[in-house]
Amino acid sequence: MMSSQVVLQLGLVGVLLAACAHAQNMTVMCYYFDCPSYSKTAQRSIYEERVYANERWVATSGDVRNLETSRLQMFNRLLSYLSGANVQSKALNITLPFLTKVVRAPGSDVTTDMTMYMYIPLGSQSAPPTPSDPKVTVVSSPVTYIFSTSFGGYTSKSGVKKTRKDLFTAIGDARRYDDSHFYLATYSSPLQMKNRYNELWMVRK
């Protein structure tokens, strides 16, 4: 059961995103929210290749024994950090996407590790506030080359599995990507029911 504080915070995010989403094409991913910097290096049939810059994110890990509950808990921790739950009590603007790294056991669909990230806003990249929650950390991402494909709806296990399979097929050569993990990039509030926009990222070797 979500606390009233979590529901309120999710609702505020939903209002913010819905206010701009209704007038925007959903493929314009970030609207006026800060997003990580990237360059598109190639456009393919159902995916595109990108390179992301070295930037800072706030991160937290979750318990893989209960994936849905854990994702809500991680989301709430990171949203609280952006809302001012940090040593400097500094509120930061909401950013996109809500990024989840999913690590799978070799040759299976069993999740062994899960970490959620939110991008540090541009104005705080050089000196992000220090998290006050010991479960929250600020991390730097290396320059990363990825394959990205988009899909709608919520990130159900079956939907993610199909999206991954379609992306694998489209890429073709399994030597080109790292199959040990993938990322789910969500650009819609958890409370937004329609016109949801998500991406699945595979890291290029």
N, C-alpha and C. Protein backbone atom coordinates (compact mmCIF):
# COMPACT_ATOMS: atom_id res chain seq x y z
N MET A 1 0.85 -1.19 0.00
CA MET A 1 0.00 0.00 0.00
C MET A 1 0.89 1.24 0.00
N MET A 2 0.65 2.17 -0.90
CA MET A 2 1.44 3.39 -0.96
C MET A 2 0.97 4.37 0.11
N SER A 3 1.91 5.10 0.70
CA SER A 3 1.56 6.11 1.68
C SER A 3 0.92 7.30 0.99
N SER A 4 0.24 8.14 1.78
CA SER A 4 -0.40 9.33 1.20
C SER A 4 0.64 10.28 0.63
N GLN A 5 1.86 10.29 1.24
CA GLN A 5 2.92 11.16 0.73
C GLN A 5 3.36 10.71 -0.65
N VAL A 6 3.51 9.37 -0.83
CA VAL A 6 3.90 8.86 -2.14
C VAL A 6 2.86 9.18 -3.18
N VAL A 7 1.58 8.96 -2.85
CA VAL A 7 0.49 9.25 -3.79
C VAL A 7 0.50 10.71 -4.18
N LEU A 8 0.70 11.60 -3.17
CA LEU A 8 0.73 13.03 -3.45
C LEU A 8 1.88 13.38 -4.39
N GLN A 9 3.05 12.82 -4.13
CA GLN A 9 4.20 13.12 -4.97
C GLN A 9 4.01 12.60 -6.39
N LEU A 10 3.48 11.38 -6.51
CA LEU A 10 3.22 10.84 -7.84
C LEU A 10 2.19 11.68 -8.57
N GLY A 11 1.19 12.15 -7.82
CA GLY A 11 0.16 12.98 -8.43
C GLY A 11 0.73 14.29 -8.95
N LEU A 12 1.64 14.90 -8.19
CA LEU A 12 2.26 16.15 -8.64
C LEU A 12 3.08 15.94 -9.91
N VAL A 13 3.79 14.82 -9.97
CA VAL A 13 4.54 14.52 -11.19
C VAL A 13 3.58 14.31 -12.36
N GLY A 14 2.48 13.60 -12.09
CA GLY A 14 1.50 13.36 -13.15
C GLY A 14 0.92 14.65 -13.69
N VAL A 15 0.62 15.59 -12.81
CA VAL A 15 0.07 16.88 -13.25
C VAL A 15 1.09 17.61 -14.11
N LEU A 16 2.34 17.61 -13.68
CA LEU A 16 3.39 18.30 -14.43
C LEU A 16 3.56 17.71 -15.82
N LEU A 17 3.62 16.38 -15.90
CA LEU A 17 3.85 15.75 -17.19
C LEU A 17 2.62 15.84 -18.08
N ALA A 18 1.45 15.64 -17.52
CA ALA A 18 0.23 15.69 -18.33
C ALA A 18 -0.03 17.07 -18.88
N ALA A 19 0.38 18.09 -18.11
CA ALA A 19 0.12 19.46 -18.55
C ALA A 19 0.81 19.78 -19.86
N CYS A 20 1.98 19.18 -20.07
CA CYS A 20 2.68 19.45 -21.34
C CYS A 20 2.45 18.33 -22.35
N ALA A 21 2.16 17.13 -21.89
CA ALA A 21 2.05 16.00 -22.81
C ALA A 21 0.85 16.11 -23.74
N HIS A 22 -0.25 16.68 -23.26
CA HIS A 22 -1.46 16.71 -24.09
C HIS A 22 -1.27 17.55 -25.34
N ALA A 23 -0.32 18.48 -25.30
CA ALA A 23 -0.12 19.38 -26.44
C ALA A 23 1.14 19.04 -27.23
N GLN A 24 1.81 17.97 -26.83
CA GLN A 24 3.08 17.63 -27.46
C GLN A 24 2.99 16.26 -28.10
N ASN A 25 3.78 16.06 -29.14
CA ASN A 25 3.94 14.74 -29.72
C ASN A 25 4.74 13.89 -28.73
N MET A 26 4.27 12.68 -28.43
CA MET A 26 4.93 11.87 -27.42
C MET A 26 6.34 11.47 -27.82
N THR A 27 6.68 11.55 -29.10
CA THR A 27 8.05 11.24 -29.49
C THR A 27 9.01 12.36 -29.14
N VAL A 28 8.50 13.53 -28.81
CA VAL A 28 9.34 14.61 -28.28
C VAL A 28 9.48 14.31 -26.79
N MET A 29 10.53 13.59 -26.45
CA MET A 29 10.55 12.83 -25.20
C MET A 29 10.54 13.67 -23.94
N CYS A 30 11.26 14.76 -23.93
CA CYS A 30 11.50 15.44 -22.67
C CYS A 30 10.70 16.72 -22.48
N TYR A 31 10.01 17.18 -23.52
CA TYR A 31 9.25 18.41 -23.41
C TYR A 31 10.17 19.53 -22.92
N TYR A 32 9.84 20.19 -21.81
CA TYR A 32 10.73 21.23 -21.30
C TYR A 32 11.48 20.78 -20.05
N PHE A 33 11.51 19.49 -19.79
CA PHE A 33 12.26 18.94 -18.66
C PHE A 33 13.71 18.71 -19.05
N ASP A 34 14.63 18.84 -18.09
CA ASP A 34 16.03 18.52 -18.36
C ASP A 34 16.17 17.02 -18.62
N CYS A 35 17.01 16.68 -19.59
CA CYS A 35 17.28 15.29 -19.95
C CYS A 35 18.78 15.11 -20.15
N PRO A 36 19.27 13.87 -20.06
CA PRO A 36 20.68 13.63 -20.35
C PRO A 36 21.01 13.93 -21.80
N SER A 37 22.21 14.41 -22.05
CA SER A 37 22.63 14.78 -23.39
C SER A 37 23.01 13.55 -24.21
N TYR A 38 22.57 13.51 -25.46
CA TYR A 38 23.00 12.42 -26.34
C TYR A 38 22.99 12.90 -27.78
N SER A 39 23.69 12.14 -28.61
CA SER A 39 23.68 12.37 -30.05
C SER A 39 23.22 11.09 -30.73
N LYS A 40 22.35 11.23 -31.72
CA LYS A 40 21.91 10.07 -32.49
C LYS A 40 22.94 9.79 -33.57
N THR A 41 23.47 8.57 -33.57
CA THR A 41 24.52 8.23 -34.53
C THR A 41 23.99 7.43 -35.72
N ALA A 42 22.81 6.80 -35.57
CA ALA A 42 22.23 6.04 -36.69
C ALA A 42 20.75 5.80 -36.42
N GLN A 43 19.94 5.80 -37.49
CA GLN A 43 18.52 5.49 -37.41
C GLN A 43 18.27 4.19 -38.17
N ARG A 44 17.73 3.19 -37.48
CA ARG A 44 17.45 1.89 -38.09
C ARG A 44 15.95 1.68 -38.18
N SER A 45 15.53 0.46 -38.49
CA SER A 45 14.11 0.18 -38.71
C SER A 45 13.26 0.45 -37.47
N ILE A 46 13.54 -0.23 -36.37
CA ILE A 46 12.73 -0.04 -35.16
C ILE A 46 13.56 0.52 -34.00
N TYR A 47 14.79 0.87 -34.26
CA TYR A 47 15.63 1.40 -33.18
C TYR A 47 16.58 2.45 -33.74
N GLU A 48 17.18 3.18 -32.80
CA GLU A 48 18.23 4.11 -33.18
C GLU A 48 19.44 3.91 -32.30
N GLU A 49 20.59 4.29 -32.81
CA GLU A 49 21.83 4.20 -32.05
C GLU A 49 22.18 5.59 -31.52
N ARG A 50 22.57 5.64 -30.26
CA ARG A 50 22.88 6.91 -29.61
C ARG A 50 24.18 6.82 -28.83
N VAL A 51 24.75 7.96 -28.55
CA VAL A 51 25.85 8.05 -27.60
C VAL A 51 25.49 9.09 -26.56
N TYR A 52 25.54 8.69 -25.29
CA TYR A 52 25.22 9.56 -24.17
C TYR A 52 26.50 10.10 -23.54
N ALA A 53 26.45 11.35 -23.12
CA ALA A 53 27.61 12.02 -22.54
C ALA A 53 27.85 11.56 -21.10
N ASN A 54 29.02 11.88 -20.58
CA ASN A 54 29.36 11.64 -19.19
C ASN A 54 28.65 12.69 -18.32
N GLU A 55 27.66 12.23 -17.52
CA GLU A 55 26.89 13.16 -16.69
C GLU A 55 26.55 12.51 -15.35
N ARG A 56 25.92 13.30 -14.47
CA ARG A 56 25.62 12.82 -13.12
C ARG A 56 24.14 12.49 -12.94
N TRP A 57 23.92 11.44 -12.18
CA TRP A 57 22.58 10.95 -11.86
C TRP A 57 22.49 10.71 -10.36
N VAL A 58 21.28 10.66 -9.82
CA VAL A 58 21.06 10.19 -8.46
C VAL A 58 20.46 8.79 -8.58
N ALA A 59 20.94 7.86 -7.74
CA ALA A 59 20.60 6.45 -7.92
C ALA A 59 20.23 5.79 -6.61
N THR A 60 19.44 4.71 -6.72
CA THR A 60 19.12 3.87 -5.57
C THR A 60 18.82 2.47 -6.06
N SER A 61 19.11 1.48 -5.25
CA SER A 61 18.87 0.08 -5.62
C SER A 61 17.63 -0.45 -4.92
N GLY A 62 17.06 -1.54 -5.49
CA GLY A 62 15.84 -2.09 -4.94
C GLY A 62 15.92 -3.59 -4.69
N ASP A 63 14.93 -4.09 -3.97
CA ASP A 63 14.83 -5.51 -3.64
C ASP A 63 14.15 -6.23 -4.81
N VAL A 64 14.86 -7.15 -5.43
CA VAL A 64 14.32 -7.82 -6.62
C VAL A 64 13.26 -8.87 -6.29
N ARG A 65 13.03 -9.13 -5.01
CA ARG A 65 12.03 -10.15 -4.65
C ARG A 65 10.60 -9.65 -4.86
N ASN A 66 10.42 -8.35 -4.90
CA ASN A 66 9.10 -7.77 -5.16
C ASN A 66 9.30 -6.57 -6.07
N LEU A 67 9.28 -6.83 -7.38
CA LEU A 67 9.72 -5.83 -8.34
C LEU A 67 8.85 -4.58 -8.35
N GLU A 68 7.53 -4.75 -8.37
CA GLU A 68 6.64 -3.59 -8.48
C GLU A 68 6.72 -2.71 -7.24
N THR A 69 6.65 -3.32 -6.05
CA THR A 69 6.76 -2.56 -4.82
C THR A 69 8.11 -1.87 -4.73
N SER A 70 9.15 -2.59 -5.13
CA SER A 70 10.49 -2.04 -5.08
C SER A 70 10.66 -0.85 -6.01
N ARG A 71 10.07 -0.91 -7.20
CA ARG A 71 10.19 0.20 -8.13
C ARG A 71 9.50 1.45 -7.56
N LEU A 72 8.37 1.29 -6.89
CA LEU A 72 7.69 2.43 -6.27
C LEU A 72 8.54 3.02 -5.14
N GLN A 73 9.16 2.14 -4.36
CA GLN A 73 10.01 2.62 -3.27
C GLN A 73 11.21 3.39 -3.81
N MET A 74 11.83 2.87 -4.85
CA MET A 74 12.98 3.55 -5.45
C MET A 74 12.57 4.90 -6.02
N PHE A 75 11.44 4.90 -6.73
CA PHE A 75 10.93 6.14 -7.32
C PHE A 75 10.70 7.18 -6.22
N ASN A 76 10.12 6.76 -5.11
CA ASN A 76 9.81 7.69 -4.02
C ASN A 76 11.08 8.25 -3.38
N ARG A 77 12.11 7.40 -3.22
CA ARG A 77 13.37 7.88 -2.65
C ARG A 77 14.00 8.96 -3.54
N LEU A 78 14.03 8.70 -4.83
CA LEU A 78 14.67 9.65 -5.75
C LEU A 78 13.85 10.92 -5.89
N LEU A 79 12.54 10.78 -5.92
CA LEU A 79 11.68 11.95 -6.00
C LEU A 79 11.81 12.81 -4.74
N SER A 80 11.95 12.14 -3.59
CA SER A 80 12.14 12.87 -2.33
C SER A 80 13.45 13.65 -2.36
N TYR A 81 14.50 13.04 -2.92
CA TYR A 81 15.79 13.73 -3.05
C TYR A 81 15.62 15.00 -3.89
N LEU A 82 14.96 14.88 -5.03
CA LEU A 82 14.75 16.05 -5.88
C LEU A 82 13.86 17.08 -5.20
N SER A 83 12.99 16.62 -4.30
CA SER A 83 12.06 17.52 -3.63
C SER A 83 12.69 18.25 -2.44
N GLY A 84 13.96 17.93 -2.13
CA GLY A 84 14.64 18.64 -1.06
C GLY A 84 15.12 17.77 0.08
N ALA A 85 14.92 16.45 -0.01
CA ALA A 85 15.40 15.54 1.03
C ALA A 85 16.88 15.24 0.80
N ASN A 86 17.69 16.28 0.99
CA ASN A 86 19.14 16.15 0.85
C ASN A 86 19.79 17.05 1.91
N VAL A 87 21.09 16.91 2.08
CA VAL A 87 21.79 17.62 3.15
C VAL A 87 21.62 19.14 3.04
N GLN A 88 21.59 19.64 1.81
CA GLN A 88 21.45 21.09 1.60
C GLN A 88 19.99 21.54 1.60
N SER A 89 19.04 20.61 1.74
CA SER A 89 17.59 20.92 1.67
C SER A 89 17.25 21.71 0.41
N LYS A 90 17.90 21.35 -0.68
CA LYS A 90 17.72 22.05 -1.95
C LYS A 90 16.76 21.28 -2.85
N ALA A 91 15.69 21.94 -3.24
CA ALA A 91 14.74 21.32 -4.16
C ALA A 91 15.24 21.48 -5.59
N LEU A 92 15.16 20.39 -6.36
CA LEU A 92 15.60 20.39 -7.74
C LEU A 92 14.40 20.14 -8.66
N ASN A 93 14.51 20.60 -9.88
CA ASN A 93 13.43 20.37 -10.84
C ASN A 93 13.33 18.90 -11.22
N ILE A 94 12.10 18.48 -11.52
CA ILE A 94 11.88 17.12 -12.03
C ILE A 94 12.61 16.98 -13.36
N THR A 95 13.21 15.81 -13.57
CA THR A 95 13.91 15.52 -14.82
C THR A 95 13.35 14.24 -15.45
N LEU A 96 13.71 14.00 -16.68
CA LEU A 96 13.33 12.77 -17.39
C LEU A 96 14.58 12.20 -18.03
N PRO A 97 14.62 10.86 -18.26
CA PRO A 97 13.58 9.88 -17.91
C PRO A 97 13.77 9.35 -16.49
N PHE A 98 12.81 8.51 -16.05
CA PHE A 98 13.01 7.68 -14.88
C PHE A 98 13.67 6.41 -15.42
N LEU A 99 14.92 6.21 -15.10
CA LEU A 99 15.72 5.16 -15.74
C LEU A 99 15.98 4.01 -14.77
N THR A 100 15.66 2.78 -15.20
CA THR A 100 15.87 1.60 -14.37
C THR A 100 16.81 0.63 -15.06
N LYS A 101 17.90 0.29 -14.40
CA LYS A 101 18.82 -0.73 -14.91
C LYS A 101 18.40 -2.08 -14.36
N VAL A 102 18.20 -3.04 -15.24
CA VAL A 102 17.77 -4.38 -14.86
C VAL A 102 18.86 -5.37 -15.24
N VAL A 103 19.39 -6.07 -14.25
CA VAL A 103 20.42 -7.09 -14.49
C VAL A 103 19.77 -8.46 -14.41
N ARG A 104 20.03 -9.28 -15.41
CA ARG A 104 19.43 -10.62 -15.47
C ARG A 104 20.49 -11.70 -15.30
N ALA A 105 20.07 -12.85 -14.74
CA ALA A 105 20.96 -14.00 -14.65
C ALA A 105 21.26 -14.48 -16.06
N PRO A 106 22.49 -14.93 -16.33
CA PRO A 106 22.86 -15.37 -17.68
C PRO A 106 21.90 -16.41 -18.24
N GLY A 107 21.41 -16.15 -19.45
CA GLY A 107 20.56 -17.10 -20.15
C GLY A 107 19.16 -17.25 -19.58
N SER A 108 18.69 -16.27 -18.76
CA SER A 108 17.35 -16.39 -18.17
C SER A 108 16.70 -15.02 -18.07
N ASP A 109 15.42 -15.02 -17.65
CA ASP A 109 14.70 -13.77 -17.42
C ASP A 109 14.59 -13.46 -15.93
N VAL A 110 15.44 -14.08 -15.12
CA VAL A 110 15.43 -13.85 -13.67
C VAL A 110 16.23 -12.60 -13.35
N THR A 111 15.58 -11.63 -12.72
CA THR A 111 16.25 -10.38 -12.35
C THR A 111 17.10 -10.59 -11.11
N THR A 112 18.38 -10.23 -11.18
CA THR A 112 19.28 -10.40 -10.05
C THR A 112 19.66 -9.08 -9.39
N ASP A 113 19.44 -7.97 -10.08
CA ASP A 113 19.77 -6.67 -9.52
C ASP A 113 18.98 -5.59 -10.25
N MET A 114 18.60 -4.55 -9.54
CA MET A 114 17.80 -3.48 -10.14
C MET A 114 18.18 -2.15 -9.49
N THR A 115 18.47 -1.16 -10.32
CA THR A 115 18.84 0.17 -9.84
C THR A 115 18.06 1.21 -10.63
N MET A 116 17.52 2.20 -9.93
CA MET A 116 16.78 3.27 -10.58
C MET A 116 17.60 4.56 -10.50
N TYR A 117 17.53 5.35 -11.59
CA TYR A 117 18.28 6.60 -11.68
C TYR A 117 17.35 7.75 -12.07
N MET A 118 17.64 8.92 -11.56
CA MET A 118 17.06 10.16 -12.08
C MET A 118 18.20 11.11 -12.41
N TYR A 119 18.06 11.79 -13.51
CA TYR A 119 19.08 12.69 -14.00
C TYR A 119 19.17 13.93 -13.12
N ILE A 120 20.41 14.34 -12.76
CA ILE A 120 20.61 15.59 -12.02
C ILE A 120 20.38 16.76 -12.97
N PRO A 121 19.51 17.73 -12.61
CA PRO A 121 19.24 18.86 -13.52
C PRO A 121 20.52 19.57 -13.95
N LEU A 122 20.46 20.18 -15.12
CA LEU A 122 21.64 20.82 -15.71
C LEU A 122 22.30 21.82 -14.76
N GLY A 123 21.48 22.61 -14.07
CA GLY A 123 22.03 23.64 -13.19
C GLY A 123 22.74 23.11 -11.97
N SER A 124 22.57 21.81 -11.66
CA SER A 124 23.20 21.22 -10.48
C SER A 124 24.19 20.11 -10.84
N GLN A 125 24.46 19.92 -12.13
CA GLN A 125 25.38 18.87 -12.56
C GLN A 125 26.77 19.02 -11.94
N SER A 126 27.26 20.24 -11.84
CA SER A 126 28.63 20.45 -11.34
C SER A 126 28.74 20.26 -9.83
N ALA A 127 27.64 20.50 -9.10
CA ALA A 127 27.68 20.39 -7.64
C ALA A 127 26.31 19.92 -7.13
N PRO A 128 25.97 18.65 -7.36
CA PRO A 128 24.66 18.14 -6.92
C PRO A 128 24.57 18.09 -5.39
N PRO A 129 23.39 18.31 -4.84
CA PRO A 129 23.22 18.20 -3.39
C PRO A 129 23.58 16.80 -2.89
N THR A 130 24.06 16.73 -1.65
CA THR A 130 24.43 15.44 -1.05
C THR A 130 23.18 14.75 -0.51
N PRO A 131 22.92 13.50 -0.92
CA PRO A 131 21.72 12.80 -0.42
C PRO A 131 21.78 12.64 1.10
N SER A 132 20.64 12.78 1.75
CA SER A 132 20.56 12.53 3.19
C SER A 132 20.14 11.10 3.49
N ASP A 133 19.53 10.44 2.53
CA ASP A 133 19.13 9.03 2.65
C ASP A 133 20.33 8.16 2.27
N PRO A 134 20.80 7.28 3.17
CA PRO A 134 21.96 6.44 2.86
C PRO A 134 21.73 5.47 1.70
N LYS A 135 20.47 5.26 1.34
CA LYS A 135 20.17 4.38 0.21
C LYS A 135 20.23 5.10 -1.13
N VAL A 136 20.49 6.40 -1.09
CA VAL A 136 20.54 7.22 -2.32
C VAL A 136 21.96 7.72 -2.51
N THR A 137 22.48 7.62 -3.74
CA THR A 137 23.83 8.08 -4.04
C THR A 137 23.83 8.89 -5.33
N VAL A 138 24.82 9.75 -5.47
CA VAL A 138 25.05 10.47 -6.72
C VAL A 138 26.14 9.73 -7.48
N VAL A 139 25.89 9.42 -8.75
CA VAL A 139 26.84 8.65 -9.56
C VAL A 139 27.12 9.39 -10.86
N SER A 140 28.27 9.11 -11.46
CA SER A 140 28.62 9.65 -12.77
C SER A 140 28.56 8.53 -13.80
N SER A 141 27.86 8.78 -14.89
CA SER A 141 27.79 7.79 -15.95
C SER A 141 28.93 8.02 -16.94
N PRO A 142 29.54 6.96 -17.45
CA PRO A 142 30.56 7.14 -18.48
C PRO A 142 29.91 7.47 -19.82
N VAL A 143 30.69 7.87 -20.79
CA VAL A 143 30.17 8.00 -22.15
C VAL A 143 29.69 6.61 -22.57
N THR A 144 28.42 6.52 -23.01
CA THR A 144 27.80 5.22 -23.26
C THR A 144 27.12 5.19 -24.62
N TYR A 145 27.39 4.12 -25.36
CA TYR A 145 26.76 3.92 -26.67
C TYR A 145 25.63 2.90 -26.49
N ILE A 146 24.43 3.24 -26.98
CA ILE A 146 23.30 2.35 -26.77
C ILE A 146 22.50 2.14 -28.06
N PHE A 147 21.70 1.07 -28.03
CA PHE A 147 20.62 0.84 -28.99
C PHE A 147 19.32 1.15 -28.25
N SER A 148 18.46 1.97 -28.82
CA SER A 148 17.22 2.38 -28.16
C SER A 148 16.01 2.11 -29.04
N THR A 149 14.99 1.49 -28.43
CA THR A 149 13.72 1.29 -29.12
C THR A 149 12.59 1.75 -28.20
N SER A 150 11.50 2.22 -28.76
CA SER A 150 10.41 2.78 -27.94
C SER A 150 9.20 1.85 -27.92
N PHE A 151 8.38 2.00 -26.87
CA PHE A 151 7.13 1.25 -26.76
C PHE A 151 6.19 2.01 -25.84
N GLY A 152 4.90 1.71 -25.94
CA GLY A 152 3.90 2.41 -25.14
C GLY A 152 3.43 1.58 -23.96
N GLY A 153 2.43 2.09 -23.25
CA GLY A 153 1.84 1.37 -22.13
C GLY A 153 2.74 1.32 -20.91
N TYR A 154 2.38 0.44 -19.97
CA TYR A 154 3.19 0.25 -18.77
C TYR A 154 4.24 -0.82 -19.03
N THR A 155 5.28 -0.83 -18.21
CA THR A 155 6.40 -1.74 -18.43
C THR A 155 6.13 -3.10 -17.78
N SER A 156 5.21 -3.85 -18.38
CA SER A 156 4.90 -5.19 -17.88
C SER A 156 6.02 -6.15 -18.26
N LYS A 157 6.12 -7.25 -17.53
CA LYS A 157 7.16 -8.24 -17.80
C LYS A 157 7.05 -8.79 -19.21
N SER A 158 5.82 -9.11 -19.63
CA SER A 158 5.62 -9.68 -20.97
C SER A 158 5.93 -8.65 -22.05
N GLY A 159 5.53 -7.39 -21.83
CA GLY A 159 5.79 -6.35 -22.81
C GLY A 159 7.27 -6.06 -22.97
N VAL A 160 7.98 -6.04 -21.83
CA VAL A 160 9.42 -5.80 -21.87
C VAL A 160 10.13 -6.96 -22.56
N LYS A 161 9.71 -8.18 -22.26
CA LYS A 161 10.32 -9.36 -22.88
C LYS A 161 10.17 -9.32 -24.40
N LYS A 162 8.97 -8.96 -24.89
CA LYS A 162 8.74 -8.88 -26.33
C LYS A 162 9.57 -7.75 -26.95
N THR A 163 9.62 -6.62 -26.27
CA THR A 163 10.39 -5.48 -26.80
C THR A 163 11.87 -5.84 -26.91
N ARG A 164 12.40 -6.51 -25.90
CA ARG A 164 13.80 -6.95 -25.95
C ARG A 164 14.03 -7.91 -27.10
N LYS A 165 13.13 -8.87 -27.26
CA LYS A 165 13.27 -9.87 -28.33
C LYS A 165 13.24 -9.19 -29.70
N ASP A 166 12.32 -8.24 -29.88
CA ASP A 166 12.23 -7.53 -31.16
C ASP A 166 13.50 -6.72 -31.43
N LEU A 167 14.05 -6.12 -30.36
CA LEU A 167 15.28 -5.34 -30.52
C LEU A 167 16.45 -6.26 -30.87
N PHE A 168 16.56 -7.39 -30.18
CA PHE A 168 17.62 -8.36 -30.49
C PHE A 168 17.56 -8.77 -31.96
N THR A 169 16.33 -9.07 -32.43
CA THR A 169 16.15 -9.51 -33.81
C THR A 169 16.56 -8.42 -34.79
N ALA A 170 16.17 -7.18 -34.47
CA ALA A 170 16.48 -6.06 -35.36
C ALA A 170 17.99 -5.78 -35.42
N ILE A 171 18.66 -5.88 -34.28
CA ILE A 171 20.11 -5.66 -34.27
C ILE A 171 20.84 -6.78 -35.01
N GLY A 172 20.37 -8.01 -34.79
CA GLY A 172 20.91 -9.14 -35.53
C GLY A 172 22.10 -9.80 -34.86
N ASP A 173 23.23 -9.18 -34.87
CA ASP A 173 24.47 -9.76 -34.37
C ASP A 173 24.57 -9.59 -32.85
N ALA A 174 24.48 -10.70 -32.10
CA ALA A 174 24.49 -10.64 -30.64
C ALA A 174 25.84 -10.15 -30.10
N ARG A 175 26.86 -10.15 -30.93
CA ARG A 175 28.17 -9.68 -30.48
C ARG A 175 28.21 -8.16 -30.38
N ARG A 176 27.17 -7.48 -30.87
CA ARG A 176 27.17 -6.02 -30.88
C ARG A 176 26.64 -5.41 -29.59
N TYR A 177 25.97 -6.19 -28.74
CA TYR A 177 25.38 -5.61 -27.54
C TYR A 177 25.68 -6.46 -26.31
N ASP A 178 25.57 -5.82 -25.14
CA ASP A 178 25.80 -6.48 -23.85
C ASP A 178 24.46 -7.01 -23.34
N ASP A 179 24.32 -8.33 -23.32
CA ASP A 179 23.04 -8.94 -22.94
C ASP A 179 22.92 -9.18 -21.44
N SER A 180 23.90 -8.74 -20.65
CA SER A 180 23.86 -8.99 -19.21
C SER A 180 22.89 -8.07 -18.49
N HIS A 181 22.51 -6.96 -19.13
CA HIS A 181 21.57 -6.02 -18.51
C HIS A 181 20.95 -5.14 -19.58
N PHE A 182 19.89 -4.43 -19.18
CA PHE A 182 19.25 -3.46 -20.07
C PHE A 182 18.68 -2.35 -19.22
N TYR A 183 18.23 -1.29 -19.88
CA TYR A 183 17.65 -0.14 -19.18
C TYR A 183 16.23 0.11 -19.67
N LEU A 184 15.35 0.46 -18.74
CA LEU A 184 14.00 0.91 -19.07
C LEU A 184 13.94 2.40 -18.79
N ALA A 185 13.69 3.18 -19.81
CA ALA A 185 13.60 4.64 -19.68
C ALA A 185 12.13 5.04 -19.80
N THR A 186 11.56 5.53 -18.72
CA THR A 186 10.14 5.89 -18.68
C THR A 186 10.02 7.41 -18.68
N TYR A 187 9.23 7.93 -19.62
CA TYR A 187 9.05 9.38 -19.75
C TYR A 187 7.66 9.83 -19.30
N SER A 188 6.89 8.92 -18.73
CA SER A 188 5.52 9.23 -18.29
C SER A 188 5.38 8.98 -16.80
N SER A 189 4.57 9.77 -16.13
CA SER A 189 4.29 9.58 -14.72
C SER A 189 3.66 8.21 -14.48
N PRO A 190 3.93 7.57 -13.33
CA PRO A 190 3.27 6.29 -13.00
C PRO A 190 1.74 6.41 -12.98
N LEU A 191 1.21 7.62 -12.78
CA LEU A 191 -0.25 7.80 -12.73
C LEU A 191 -0.84 8.17 -14.08
N GLN A 192 -0.02 8.35 -15.10
CA GLN A 192 -0.54 8.68 -16.44
C GLN A 192 -1.02 7.41 -17.11
N MET A 193 -2.29 7.33 -17.44
CA MET A 193 -2.89 6.11 -17.96
C MET A 193 -2.77 5.97 -19.47
N LYS A 194 -2.82 7.10 -20.20
CA LYS A 194 -2.85 7.05 -21.66
C LYS A 194 -1.61 7.71 -22.26
N ASN A 195 -1.35 7.37 -23.54
CA ASN A 195 -0.25 8.00 -24.29
C ASN A 195 1.09 7.91 -23.57
N ARG A 196 1.35 6.77 -22.97
CA ARG A 196 2.61 6.58 -22.27
C ARG A 196 3.74 6.36 -23.27
N TYR A 197 4.94 6.82 -22.90
CA TYR A 197 6.09 6.67 -23.78
C TYR A 197 7.26 6.11 -22.98
N ASN A 198 7.80 5.00 -23.44
CA ASN A 198 8.93 4.35 -22.81
C ASN A 198 9.98 3.99 -23.85
N GLU A 199 11.18 3.75 -23.38
CA GLU A 199 12.23 3.22 -24.24
C GLU A 199 12.94 2.07 -23.53
N LEU A 200 13.49 1.16 -24.33
CA LEU A 200 14.34 0.10 -23.82
C LEU A 200 15.72 0.29 -24.45
N TRP A 201 16.73 0.33 -23.59
CA TRP A 201 18.09 0.56 -24.05
C TRP A 201 18.94 -0.68 -23.85
N MET A 202 19.73 -1.03 -24.85
CA MET A 202 20.78 -2.04 -24.74
C MET A 202 22.12 -1.35 -24.97
N VAL A 203 23.09 -1.68 -24.14
CA VAL A 203 24.41 -1.06 -24.28
C VAL A 203 25.19 -1.73 -25.39
N ARG A 204 25.77 -0.91 -26.26
CA ARG A 204 26.58 -1.43 -27.36
C ARG A 204 27.97 -1.82 -26.86
N LYS A 205 28.46 -2.95 -27.31
CA LYS A 205 29.81 -3.37 -26.95
C LYS A 205 30.85 -2.56 -27.71
